[in-house]
Amino acid sequence: MIITGSLSVVHALMAEELVDEYRLLTFPTILGAGRRLFPDDGPRTDLECLSAERAGAAVFVQHRRVAR
């Protein structure tokens, strides 16, 4: 499933532990505000980095949830 621009849907799936893998395309910009994908007061998520590569001005990273 690909989810674009709906942090509330992602947080709902994370809360039910339904996300096994994250593929994030990040454009490094410092804004200092906004909602976070992994908030400090949210559930702990242990991830393993599978890959990271540049994609123009962005960074594409792939992580999977560490098995418990």
C-alpha atoms as a PDB file:
ATOM      1  CA  MET A   1       0.000   0.000   0.000  1.00  0.00           C
ATOM      2  CA  ILE A   2       1.318   3.435  -0.857  1.00  0.00           C
ATOM      3  CA  ILE A   3       0.114   6.320   1.281  1.00  0.00           C
ATOM      4  CA  THR A   4       0.882   9.853   0.167  1.00  0.00           C
ATOM      5  CA  GLY A   5       0.148  12.831   2.373  1.00  0.00           C
ATOM      6  CA  SER A   6      -2.032  11.226   5.049  1.00  0.00           C
ATOM      7  CA  LEU A   7      -0.139  11.096   8.309  1.00  0.00           C
ATOM      8  CA  SER A   8      -3.314  10.182  10.221  1.00  0.00           C
ATOM      9  CA  VAL A   9      -3.732   6.981   8.139  1.00  0.00           C
ATOM     10  CA  VAL A  10      -0.079   6.054   8.657  1.00  0.00           C
ATOM     11  CA  HIS A  11      -0.333   6.656  12.421  1.00  0.00           C
ATOM     12  CA  ALA A  12      -3.484   4.494  12.599  1.00  0.00           C
ATOM     13  CA  LEU A  13      -1.700   1.633  10.791  1.00  0.00           C
ATOM     14  CA  MET A  14       1.389   2.051  13.002  1.00  0.00           C
ATOM     15  CA  ALA A  15      -0.738   1.923  16.172  1.00  0.00           C
ATOM     16  CA  GLU A  16      -2.122  -1.464  15.088  1.00  0.00           C
ATOM     17  CA  GLU A  17       1.405  -2.686  14.140  1.00  0.00           C
ATOM     18  CA  LEU A  18       0.306  -3.226  10.529  1.00  0.00           C
ATOM     19  CA  VAL A  19       3.356  -1.609   8.906  1.00  0.00           C
ATOM     20  CA  ASP A  20       6.217  -4.003   8.151  1.00  0.00           C
ATOM     21  CA  GLU A  21       8.276  -1.751   5.884  1.00  0.00           C
ATOM     22  CA  TYR A  22       8.745   1.976   5.360  1.00  0.00           C
ATOM     23  CA  ARG A  23       9.915   3.484   2.067  1.00  0.00           C
ATOM     24  CA  LEU A  24      10.420   7.194   2.525  1.00  0.00           C
ATOM     25  CA  LEU A  25      11.309   9.830  -0.025  1.00  0.00           C
ATOM     26  CA  THR A  26      12.636  12.774   1.978  1.00  0.00           C
ATOM     27  CA  PHE A  27      13.544  16.234   0.782  1.00  0.00           C
ATOM     28  CA  PRO A  28      15.989  17.562   3.414  1.00  0.00           C
ATOM     29  CA  THR A  29      14.528  20.902   4.488  1.00  0.00           C
ATOM     30  CA  ILE A  30      14.660  22.422   7.942  1.00  0.00           C
ATOM     31  CA  LEU A  31      11.346  24.010   8.854  1.00  0.00           C
ATOM     32  CA  GLY A  32      11.174  23.526  12.609  1.00  0.00           C
ATOM     33  CA  ALA A  33       7.455  22.768  12.760  1.00  0.00           C
ATOM     34  CA  GLY A  34       4.860  20.265  11.657  1.00  0.00           C
ATOM     35  CA  ARG A  35       3.688  16.797  12.628  1.00  0.00           C
ATOM     36  CA  ARG A  36       6.252  14.009  12.869  1.00  0.00           C
ATOM     37  CA  LEU A  37       6.075  10.511  11.417  1.00  0.00           C
ATOM     38  CA  PHE A  38       7.623   9.072  14.600  1.00  0.00           C
ATOM     39  CA  PRO A  39       6.559  11.412  17.437  1.00  0.00           C
ATOM     40  CA  ASP A  40       8.471  11.348  20.720  1.00  0.00           C
ATOM     41  CA  ASP A  41       5.324  10.404  22.651  1.00  0.00           C
ATOM     42  CA  GLY A  42       4.288   7.671  20.182  1.00  0.00           C
ATOM     43  CA  PRO A  43       4.886   3.931  20.314  1.00  0.00           C
ATOM     44  CA  ARG A  44       8.477   2.779  19.999  1.00  0.00           C
ATOM     45  CA  THR A  45       9.334   1.484  16.530  1.00  0.00           C
ATOM     46  CA  ASP A  46      12.582  -0.466  16.076  1.00  0.00           C
ATOM     47  CA  LEU A  47      13.689  -0.274  12.450  1.00  0.00           C
ATOM     48  CA  GLU A  48      16.492  -1.772  10.388  1.00  0.00           C
ATOM     49  CA  CYS A  49      17.827   0.284   7.474  1.00  0.00           C
ATOM     50  CA  LEU A  50      17.751  -1.751   4.262  1.00  0.00           C
ATOM     51  CA  SER A  51      18.968   0.934   1.863  1.00  0.00           C
ATOM     52  CA  ALA A  52      19.539   4.646   1.400  1.00  0.00           C
ATOM     53  CA  GLU A  53      20.222   6.420  -1.876  1.00  0.00           C
ATOM     54  CA  ARG A  54      20.099   9.884  -3.358  1.00  0.00           C
ATOM     55  CA  ALA A  55      17.312  10.665  -5.791  1.00  0.00           C
ATOM     56  CA  GLY A  56      18.118  14.119  -7.127  1.00  0.00           C
ATOM     57  CA  ALA A  57      17.612  16.587  -4.273  1.00  0.00           C
ATOM     58  CA  ALA A  58      15.878  13.923  -2.171  1.00  0.00           C
ATOM     59  CA  VAL A  59      16.928  10.837  -0.230  1.00  0.00           C
ATOM     60  CA  PHE A  60      15.111   7.510  -0.668  1.00  0.00           C
ATOM     61  CA  VAL A  61      15.389   5.215   2.356  1.00  0.00           C
ATOM     62  CA  GLN A  62      13.936   1.799   2.979  1.00  0.00           C
ATOM     63  CA  HIS A  63      13.476   0.432   6.509  1.00  0.00           C
ATOM     64  CA  ARG A  64      11.755  -2.625   7.890  1.00  0.00           C
ATOM     65  CA  ARG A  65      10.390  -3.252  11.332  1.00  0.00           C
ATOM     66  CA  VAL A  66      12.700  -5.423  13.438  1.00  0.00           C
ATOM     67  CA  ALA A  67      11.048  -8.723  14.389  1.00  0.00           C
ATOM     68  CA  ARG A  68      10.276  -9.013  18.088  1.00  0.00           C
END
